[in-house]
Amino acid sequence: MAEVLEKIAALLQPLFEGTDMFMVSVKMKPINNIKVFIDADSGLTIEKIASVNRKLYALIEAEQLYPEGDFSLEVSSPGVDEPLVEMRQYKKNIGRTVAVTSPEDTEQTGVLKEVTEEGLLLEMKNKKKEITITEIPFSQIKKIVVQISF
């Protein structure tokens, strides 16, 4: 299965050339249901997702990864509750409120202010509404999820 996922990831790369789109992850369920999560620096439209889906489907068929045609393909952006995984996702979400979970499962919520190769800066307000900036190395992050505010 890992070999097929690698081939699918390789087929995706040329589809992103000349665009600001990038792959976040590729997953597969045992029933040959391929789920591809993509993102774009400028945001994704339904048209972009549909275009990638059609082109990737044709490439998978042309490569005969499933000679019997027994696969399904879903291309989408990561859901709002999906953790950020790519550096480009972190950078694109600077200025947004995020929840950062440590390896010990403690959570800090604040505004993502800066991202470096080593970690990130999180602006938080305490109960007295005082603002603090905390530097969190990536080694101390289990996951980070953008918080949607209404």
N, C-alpha and C. Protein backbone atom coordinates (compact mmCIF):
# COMPACT_ATOMS: atom_id res chain seq x y z
N MET A 1 0.83 -1.20 0.00
CA MET A 1 0.00 0.00 0.00
C MET A 1 0.87 1.26 0.00
N ALA A 2 1.97 1.22 0.76
CA ALA A 2 2.86 2.38 0.83
C ALA A 2 3.43 2.72 -0.55
N GLU A 3 3.71 1.67 -1.33
CA GLU A 3 4.25 1.88 -2.68
C GLU A 3 3.25 2.61 -3.57
N VAL A 4 1.98 2.23 -3.47
CA VAL A 4 0.93 2.88 -4.26
C VAL A 4 0.77 4.34 -3.82
N LEU A 5 0.82 4.59 -2.52
CA LEU A 5 0.70 5.97 -2.02
C LEU A 5 1.84 6.84 -2.53
N GLU A 6 3.04 6.27 -2.57
CA GLU A 6 4.20 7.01 -3.10
C GLU A 6 4.01 7.32 -4.59
N LYS A 7 3.50 6.36 -5.35
CA LYS A 7 3.27 6.58 -6.78
C LYS A 7 2.22 7.67 -6.99
N ILE A 8 1.17 7.64 -6.19
CA ILE A 8 0.12 8.66 -6.31
C ILE A 8 0.68 10.04 -5.98
N ALA A 9 1.50 10.12 -4.93
CA ALA A 9 2.12 11.40 -4.57
C ALA A 9 3.01 11.89 -5.71
N ALA A 10 3.73 10.98 -6.36
CA ALA A 10 4.59 11.36 -7.49
C ALA A 10 3.76 11.83 -8.68
N LEU A 11 2.60 11.20 -8.91
CA LEU A 11 1.73 11.63 -10.01
C LEU A 11 1.15 13.02 -9.76
N LEU A 12 0.97 13.37 -8.50
CA LEU A 12 0.40 14.67 -8.15
C LEU A 12 1.34 15.84 -8.45
N GLN A 13 2.61 15.64 -8.21
CA GLN A 13 3.56 16.76 -8.28
C GLN A 13 3.50 17.56 -9.58
N PRO A 14 3.48 16.92 -10.75
CA PRO A 14 3.41 17.71 -11.99
C PRO A 14 2.11 18.51 -12.11
N LEU A 15 1.05 18.05 -11.46
CA LEU A 15 -0.22 18.78 -11.52
C LEU A 15 -0.16 20.11 -10.78
N PHE A 16 0.81 20.25 -9.89
CA PHE A 16 0.93 21.47 -9.09
C PHE A 16 1.89 22.49 -9.71
N GLU A 17 2.64 22.08 -10.74
CA GLU A 17 3.61 22.99 -11.36
C GLU A 17 2.90 24.22 -11.91
N GLY A 18 3.47 25.38 -11.60
CA GLY A 18 2.90 26.63 -12.08
C GLY A 18 1.71 27.11 -11.27
N THR A 19 1.41 26.41 -10.16
CA THR A 19 0.31 26.81 -9.29
C THR A 19 0.86 27.02 -7.88
N ASP A 20 0.01 27.49 -6.98
CA ASP A 20 0.42 27.59 -5.58
C ASP A 20 -0.17 26.45 -4.75
N MET A 21 -0.63 25.40 -5.43
CA MET A 21 -1.18 24.23 -4.74
C MET A 21 -0.07 23.30 -4.28
N PHE A 22 -0.36 22.54 -3.23
CA PHE A 22 0.60 21.56 -2.73
C PHE A 22 -0.15 20.42 -2.06
N MET A 23 0.53 19.27 -1.96
CA MET A 23 -0.05 18.10 -1.33
C MET A 23 0.14 18.19 0.18
N VAL A 24 -0.91 17.86 0.91
CA VAL A 24 -0.82 17.78 2.36
C VAL A 24 -0.62 16.32 2.76
N SER A 25 -1.47 15.43 2.26
CA SER A 25 -1.31 14.01 2.55
C SER A 25 -2.12 13.16 1.58
N VAL A 26 -1.74 11.90 1.52
CA VAL A 26 -2.46 10.90 0.73
C VAL A 26 -2.70 9.72 1.66
N LYS A 27 -3.96 9.29 1.73
CA LYS A 27 -4.32 8.16 2.59
C LYS A 27 -5.13 7.16 1.77
N MET A 28 -5.15 5.93 2.25
CA MET A 28 -5.93 4.92 1.55
C MET A 28 -6.61 4.01 2.56
N LYS A 29 -7.87 3.72 2.28
CA LYS A 29 -8.61 2.74 3.07
C LYS A 29 -8.45 1.38 2.40
N PRO A 30 -8.63 0.30 3.14
CA PRO A 30 -8.43 -1.04 2.58
C PRO A 30 -9.28 -1.34 1.34
N ILE A 31 -10.34 -0.61 1.11
CA ILE A 31 -11.20 -0.88 -0.04
C ILE A 31 -10.77 -0.07 -1.27
N ASN A 32 -9.49 0.30 -1.32
CA ASN A 32 -8.91 1.07 -2.42
C ASN A 32 -9.58 2.44 -2.59
N ASN A 33 -9.98 3.01 -1.48
CA ASN A 33 -10.51 4.37 -1.48
C ASN A 33 -9.34 5.30 -1.18
N ILE A 34 -8.93 6.05 -2.20
CA ILE A 34 -7.78 6.95 -2.09
C ILE A 34 -8.28 8.33 -1.71
N LYS A 35 -7.73 8.88 -0.63
CA LYS A 35 -8.09 10.23 -0.19
C LYS A 35 -6.86 11.11 -0.29
N VAL A 36 -6.97 12.14 -1.11
CA VAL A 36 -5.86 13.07 -1.32
C VAL A 36 -6.27 14.42 -0.75
N PHE A 37 -5.44 14.94 0.14
CA PHE A 37 -5.70 16.24 0.73
C PHE A 37 -4.68 17.23 0.16
N ILE A 38 -5.21 18.30 -0.44
CA ILE A 38 -4.36 19.33 -1.03
C ILE A 38 -4.71 20.68 -0.42
N ASP A 39 -3.83 21.62 -0.62
CA ASP A 39 -4.07 22.98 -0.15
C ASP A 39 -3.41 23.92 -1.15
N ALA A 40 -3.64 25.21 -0.96
CA ALA A 40 -3.03 26.22 -1.83
C ALA A 40 -2.76 27.46 -0.99
N ASP A 41 -1.68 28.13 -1.30
CA ASP A 41 -1.33 29.34 -0.55
C ASP A 41 -2.43 30.39 -0.64
N SER A 42 -3.11 30.46 -1.78
CA SER A 42 -4.16 31.46 -1.98
C SER A 42 -5.55 30.91 -1.69
N GLY A 43 -5.62 29.69 -1.19
CA GLY A 43 -6.91 29.07 -0.93
C GLY A 43 -7.34 28.21 -2.10
N LEU A 44 -8.21 27.26 -1.83
CA LEU A 44 -8.67 26.33 -2.86
C LEU A 44 -10.10 26.64 -3.26
N THR A 45 -10.37 26.47 -4.52
CA THR A 45 -11.74 26.58 -5.02
C THR A 45 -12.20 25.20 -5.41
N ILE A 46 -13.49 25.04 -5.54
CA ILE A 46 -14.05 23.77 -6.00
C ILE A 46 -13.51 23.43 -7.39
N GLU A 47 -13.33 24.44 -8.22
CA GLU A 47 -12.83 24.21 -9.58
C GLU A 47 -11.41 23.63 -9.55
N LYS A 48 -10.55 24.16 -8.67
CA LYS A 48 -9.18 23.64 -8.57
C LYS A 48 -9.19 22.19 -8.10
N ILE A 49 -10.01 21.91 -7.09
CA ILE A 49 -10.07 20.55 -6.55
C ILE A 49 -10.60 19.59 -7.61
N ALA A 50 -11.66 19.97 -8.31
CA ALA A 50 -12.24 19.12 -9.34
C ALA A 50 -11.25 18.86 -10.46
N SER A 51 -10.49 19.88 -10.84
CA SER A 51 -9.50 19.72 -11.90
C SER A 51 -8.42 18.72 -11.49
N VAL A 52 -7.91 18.85 -10.27
CA VAL A 52 -6.90 17.91 -9.79
C VAL A 52 -7.48 16.50 -9.73
N ASN A 53 -8.72 16.37 -9.28
CA ASN A 53 -9.37 15.07 -9.19
C ASN A 53 -9.44 14.40 -10.56
N ARG A 54 -9.95 15.13 -11.57
CA ARG A 54 -10.08 14.56 -12.92
C ARG A 54 -8.72 14.16 -13.49
N LYS A 55 -7.73 15.04 -13.36
CA LYS A 55 -6.41 14.75 -13.93
C LYS A 55 -5.73 13.59 -13.21
N LEU A 56 -5.82 13.57 -11.88
CA LEU A 56 -5.19 12.49 -11.13
C LEU A 56 -5.87 11.16 -11.41
N TYR A 57 -7.18 11.14 -11.51
CA TYR A 57 -7.92 9.92 -11.83
C TYR A 57 -7.43 9.35 -13.17
N ALA A 58 -7.30 10.22 -14.16
CA ALA A 58 -6.83 9.78 -15.48
C ALA A 58 -5.40 9.23 -15.40
N LEU A 59 -4.55 9.87 -14.60
CA LEU A 59 -3.17 9.40 -14.46
C LEU A 59 -3.10 8.04 -13.77
N ILE A 60 -3.92 7.85 -12.74
CA ILE A 60 -3.95 6.56 -12.04
C ILE A 60 -4.40 5.46 -13.01
N GLU A 61 -5.40 5.76 -13.83
CA GLU A 61 -5.85 4.78 -14.83
C GLU A 61 -4.77 4.52 -15.87
N ALA A 62 -4.10 5.58 -16.34
CA ALA A 62 -3.06 5.42 -17.36
C ALA A 62 -1.88 4.60 -16.83
N GLU A 63 -1.56 4.76 -15.57
CA GLU A 63 -0.45 4.01 -14.95
C GLU A 63 -0.87 2.58 -14.60
N GLN A 64 -2.15 2.29 -14.73
CA GLN A 64 -2.73 0.98 -14.40
C GLN A 64 -2.37 0.53 -12.98
N LEU A 65 -2.48 1.47 -12.04
CA LEU A 65 -2.24 1.11 -10.64
C LEU A 65 -3.29 0.13 -10.15
N TYR A 66 -4.47 0.22 -10.73
CA TYR A 66 -5.57 -0.70 -10.43
C TYR A 66 -6.11 -1.21 -11.75
N PRO A 67 -5.50 -2.28 -12.31
CA PRO A 67 -5.89 -2.76 -13.64
C PRO A 67 -7.38 -3.09 -13.76
N GLU A 68 -8.00 -3.50 -12.68
CA GLU A 68 -9.43 -3.84 -12.72
C GLU A 68 -10.31 -2.60 -12.54
N GLY A 69 -9.69 -1.45 -12.27
CA GLY A 69 -10.45 -0.22 -12.08
C GLY A 69 -11.18 -0.17 -10.76
N ASP A 70 -10.77 -1.01 -9.81
CA ASP A 70 -11.47 -1.10 -8.52
C ASP A 70 -10.88 -0.14 -7.48
N PHE A 71 -11.03 1.15 -7.76
CA PHE A 71 -10.58 2.16 -6.79
C PHE A 71 -11.52 3.35 -6.87
N SER A 72 -11.51 4.14 -5.81
CA SER A 72 -12.23 5.40 -5.82
C SER A 72 -11.25 6.48 -5.36
N LEU A 73 -11.48 7.68 -5.82
CA LEU A 73 -10.58 8.79 -5.55
C LEU A 73 -11.37 9.97 -5.00
N GLU A 74 -10.90 10.51 -3.89
CA GLU A 74 -11.47 11.72 -3.32
C GLU A 74 -10.34 12.73 -3.15
N VAL A 75 -10.51 13.89 -3.75
CA VAL A 75 -9.54 14.98 -3.59
C VAL A 75 -10.26 16.10 -2.87
N SER A 76 -9.67 16.58 -1.79
CA SER A 76 -10.30 17.67 -1.04
C SER A 76 -9.24 18.46 -0.28
N SER A 77 -9.68 19.56 0.29
CA SER A 77 -8.80 20.28 1.20
C SER A 77 -8.94 19.61 2.56
N PRO A 78 -7.94 19.77 3.43
CA PRO A 78 -8.09 19.19 4.77
C PRO A 78 -9.28 19.84 5.47
N GLY A 79 -9.99 19.10 6.26
CA GLY A 79 -11.12 19.65 7.00
C GLY A 79 -10.66 20.66 8.05
N VAL A 80 -11.59 21.46 8.54
CA VAL A 80 -11.24 22.49 9.51
C VAL A 80 -10.70 21.91 10.81
N ASP A 81 -11.01 20.65 11.09
CA ASP A 81 -10.51 20.04 12.32
C ASP A 81 -9.24 19.23 12.11
N GLU A 82 -8.71 19.24 10.89
CA GLU A 82 -7.48 18.51 10.60
C GLU A 82 -6.27 19.32 11.07
N PRO A 83 -5.31 18.66 11.68
CA PRO A 83 -4.10 19.38 12.10
C PRO A 83 -3.27 19.84 10.91
N LEU A 84 -2.52 20.91 11.12
CA LEU A 84 -1.60 21.39 10.10
C LEU A 84 -0.41 20.43 10.06
N VAL A 85 0.09 20.14 8.86
CA VAL A 85 1.21 19.21 8.74
C VAL A 85 2.35 19.77 7.90
N GLU A 86 2.07 20.64 6.98
CA GLU A 86 3.10 21.18 6.09
C GLU A 86 3.51 22.59 6.52
N MET A 87 4.78 22.91 6.36
CA MET A 87 5.28 24.24 6.70
C MET A 87 4.47 25.32 5.98
N ARG A 88 4.09 25.06 4.73
CA ARG A 88 3.30 26.05 3.98
C ARG A 88 1.96 26.30 4.65
N GLN A 89 1.38 25.28 5.28
CA GLN A 89 0.11 25.47 5.98
C GLN A 89 0.31 26.36 7.21
N TYR A 90 1.41 26.14 7.92
CA TYR A 90 1.70 26.98 9.08
C TYR A 90 1.81 28.44 8.65
N LYS A 91 2.61 28.68 7.62
CA LYS A 91 2.86 30.06 7.18
C LYS A 91 1.58 30.72 6.66
N LYS A 92 0.75 29.96 5.99
CA LYS A 92 -0.48 30.51 5.44
C LYS A 92 -1.46 30.90 6.54
N ASN A 93 -1.31 30.31 7.71
CA ASN A 93 -2.23 30.58 8.81
C ASN A 93 -1.70 31.54 9.86
N ILE A 94 -0.60 32.24 9.54
CA ILE A 94 -0.11 33.28 10.45
C ILE A 94 -1.20 34.33 10.60
N GLY A 95 -1.45 34.73 11.86
CA GLY A 95 -2.48 35.71 12.16
C GLY A 95 -3.80 35.09 12.58
N ARG A 96 -3.90 33.77 12.46
CA ARG A 96 -5.14 33.08 12.86
C ARG A 96 -4.97 32.45 14.24
N THR A 97 -6.08 32.21 14.90
CA THR A 97 -6.06 31.56 16.20
C THR A 97 -5.89 30.06 16.00
N VAL A 98 -4.96 29.48 16.78
CA VAL A 98 -4.67 28.06 16.69
C VAL A 98 -4.65 27.44 18.08
N ALA A 99 -4.91 26.16 18.14
CA ALA A 99 -4.76 25.38 19.37
C ALA A 99 -3.55 24.47 19.18
N VAL A 100 -2.59 24.60 20.08
CA VAL A 100 -1.35 23.82 20.00
C VAL A 100 -1.39 22.78 21.12
N THR A 101 -1.28 21.52 20.73
CA THR A 101 -1.29 20.43 21.70
C THR A 101 0.13 19.89 21.84
N SER A 102 0.57 19.77 23.10
CA SER A 102 1.92 19.26 23.39
C SER A 102 1.91 17.74 23.39
N PRO A 103 3.09 17.12 23.41
CA PRO A 103 3.14 15.65 23.50
C PRO A 103 2.47 15.13 24.78
N GLU A 104 2.37 15.97 25.81
CA GLU A 104 1.72 15.57 27.06
C GLU A 104 0.22 15.84 27.03
N ASP A 105 -0.30 16.26 25.87
CA ASP A 105 -1.72 16.54 25.66
C ASP A 105 -2.23 17.79 26.39
N THR A 106 -1.32 18.71 26.73
CA THR A 106 -1.78 20.01 27.24
C THR A 106 -1.99 20.91 26.03
N GLU A 107 -2.95 21.82 26.13
CA GLU A 107 -3.29 22.66 24.99
C GLU A 107 -3.13 24.13 25.32
N GLN A 108 -2.56 24.85 24.37
CA GLN A 108 -2.45 26.31 24.46
C GLN A 108 -3.13 26.89 23.23
N THR A 109 -3.92 27.93 23.43
CA THR A 109 -4.60 28.58 22.32
C THR A 109 -4.14 30.01 22.23
N GLY A 110 -3.86 30.45 21.02
CA GLY A 110 -3.42 31.82 20.81
C GLY A 110 -3.33 32.12 19.32
N VAL A 111 -2.82 33.29 19.02
CA VAL A 111 -2.68 33.72 17.64
C VAL A 111 -1.28 33.34 17.15
N LEU A 112 -1.23 32.66 16.02
CA LEU A 112 0.03 32.28 15.41
C LEU A 112 0.68 33.54 14.84
N LYS A 113 1.82 33.92 15.40
CA LYS A 113 2.47 35.17 15.01
C LYS A 113 3.62 34.98 14.03
N GLU A 114 4.35 33.89 14.19
CA GLU A 114 5.53 33.69 13.35
C GLU A 114 5.86 32.21 13.31
N VAL A 115 6.44 31.78 12.18
CA VAL A 115 6.86 30.39 12.01
C VAL A 115 8.28 30.39 11.49
N THR A 116 9.14 29.59 12.12
CA THR A 116 10.52 29.41 11.66
C THR A 116 10.74 27.92 11.42
N GLU A 117 11.92 27.56 10.98
CA GLU A 117 12.24 26.15 10.79
C GLU A 117 12.24 25.39 12.11
N GLU A 118 12.49 26.10 13.22
CA GLU A 118 12.60 25.46 14.52
C GLU A 118 11.28 25.38 15.28
N GLY A 119 10.38 26.34 15.04
CA GLY A 119 9.15 26.36 15.81
C GLY A 119 8.29 27.55 15.46
N LEU A 120 7.46 27.96 16.43
CA LEU A 120 6.54 29.06 16.16
C LEU A 120 6.42 29.98 17.37
N LEU A 121 5.90 31.17 17.10
CA LEU A 121 5.59 32.13 18.16
C LEU A 121 4.08 32.21 18.28
N LEU A 122 3.60 32.08 19.52
CA LEU A 122 2.17 32.10 19.80
C LEU A 122 1.87 33.25 20.74
N GLU A 123 0.94 34.12 20.32
CA GLU A 123 0.52 35.24 21.16
C GLU A 123 -0.72 34.80 21.95
N MET A 124 -0.60 34.87 23.26
CA MET A 124 -1.71 34.43 24.11
C MET A 124 -2.09 35.54 25.09
N LYS A 125 -3.35 35.51 25.52
CA LYS A 125 -3.84 36.43 26.55
C LYS A 125 -4.14 35.61 27.79
N ASN A 126 -3.66 36.11 28.95
CA ASN A 126 -4.00 35.41 30.19
C ASN A 126 -5.34 35.93 30.72
N LYS A 127 -5.73 35.45 31.89
CA LYS A 127 -7.03 35.82 32.45
C LYS A 127 -7.15 37.32 32.71
N LYS A 128 -6.02 37.98 32.92
CA LYS A 128 -6.03 39.43 33.15
C LYS A 128 -5.96 40.21 31.84
N LYS A 129 -6.10 39.49 30.71
CA LYS A 129 -6.05 40.07 29.37
C LYS A 129 -4.67 40.63 29.01
N GLU A 130 -3.64 40.15 29.73
CA GLU A 130 -2.27 40.55 29.42
C GLU A 130 -1.77 39.66 28.29
N ILE A 131 -1.08 40.26 27.34
CA ILE A 131 -0.58 39.53 26.17
C ILE A 131 0.83 39.02 26.43
N THR A 132 1.06 37.76 26.14
CA THR A 132 2.39 37.17 26.22
C THR A 132 2.69 36.47 24.89
N ILE A 133 3.95 36.44 24.55
CA ILE A 133 4.41 35.73 23.35
C ILE A 133 5.21 34.53 23.83
N THR A 134 4.83 33.35 23.37
CA THR A 134 5.50 32.13 23.76
C THR A 134 6.12 31.49 22.53
N GLU A 135 7.38 31.10 22.66
CA GLU A 135 8.06 30.38 21.59
C GLU A 135 7.89 28.90 21.86
N ILE A 136 7.40 28.16 20.85
CA ILE A 136 7.17 26.72 21.00
C ILE A 136 7.95 25.99 19.92
N PRO A 137 8.95 25.20 20.31
CA PRO A 137 9.68 24.43 19.30
C PRO A 137 8.80 23.30 18.74
N PHE A 138 9.01 22.96 17.47
CA PHE A 138 8.23 21.89 16.85
C PHE A 138 8.35 20.57 17.61
N SER A 139 9.48 20.37 18.28
CA SER A 139 9.65 19.13 19.06
C SER A 139 8.67 19.05 20.22
N GLN A 140 8.08 20.18 20.60
CA GLN A 140 7.12 20.22 21.70
C GLN A 140 5.67 20.34 21.21
N ILE A 141 5.46 20.04 19.92
CA ILE A 141 4.12 20.13 19.35
C ILE A 141 3.68 18.76 18.86
N LYS A 142 2.58 18.29 19.40
CA LYS A 142 1.98 17.04 18.94
C LYS A 142 1.10 17.33 17.73
N LYS A 143 0.29 18.40 17.84
CA LYS A 143 -0.53 18.82 16.71
C LYS A 143 -0.93 20.28 16.90
N ILE A 144 -1.28 20.91 15.78
CA ILE A 144 -1.75 22.28 15.81
C ILE A 144 -2.95 22.37 14.87
N VAL A 145 -4.04 22.93 15.38
CA VAL A 145 -5.29 22.99 14.63
C VAL A 145 -5.78 24.44 14.62
N VAL A 146 -6.14 24.93 13.45
CA VAL A 146 -6.71 26.27 13.33
C VAL A 146 -8.08 26.29 14.00
N GLN A 147 -8.33 27.32 14.79
CA GLN A 147 -9.62 27.47 15.47
C GLN A 147 -10.52 28.38 14.66
N ILE A 148 -11.69 27.93 14.42
CA ILE A 148 -12.66 28.70 13.64
C ILE A 148 -13.49 29.52 14.63
N SER A 149 -13.56 30.82 14.40
CA SER A 149 -14.37 31.67 15.29
C SER A 149 -15.56 32.20 14.50
N PHE A 150 -16.68 32.24 15.18
CA PHE A 150 -17.92 32.69 14.55
C PHE A 150 -18.35 34.01 15.12
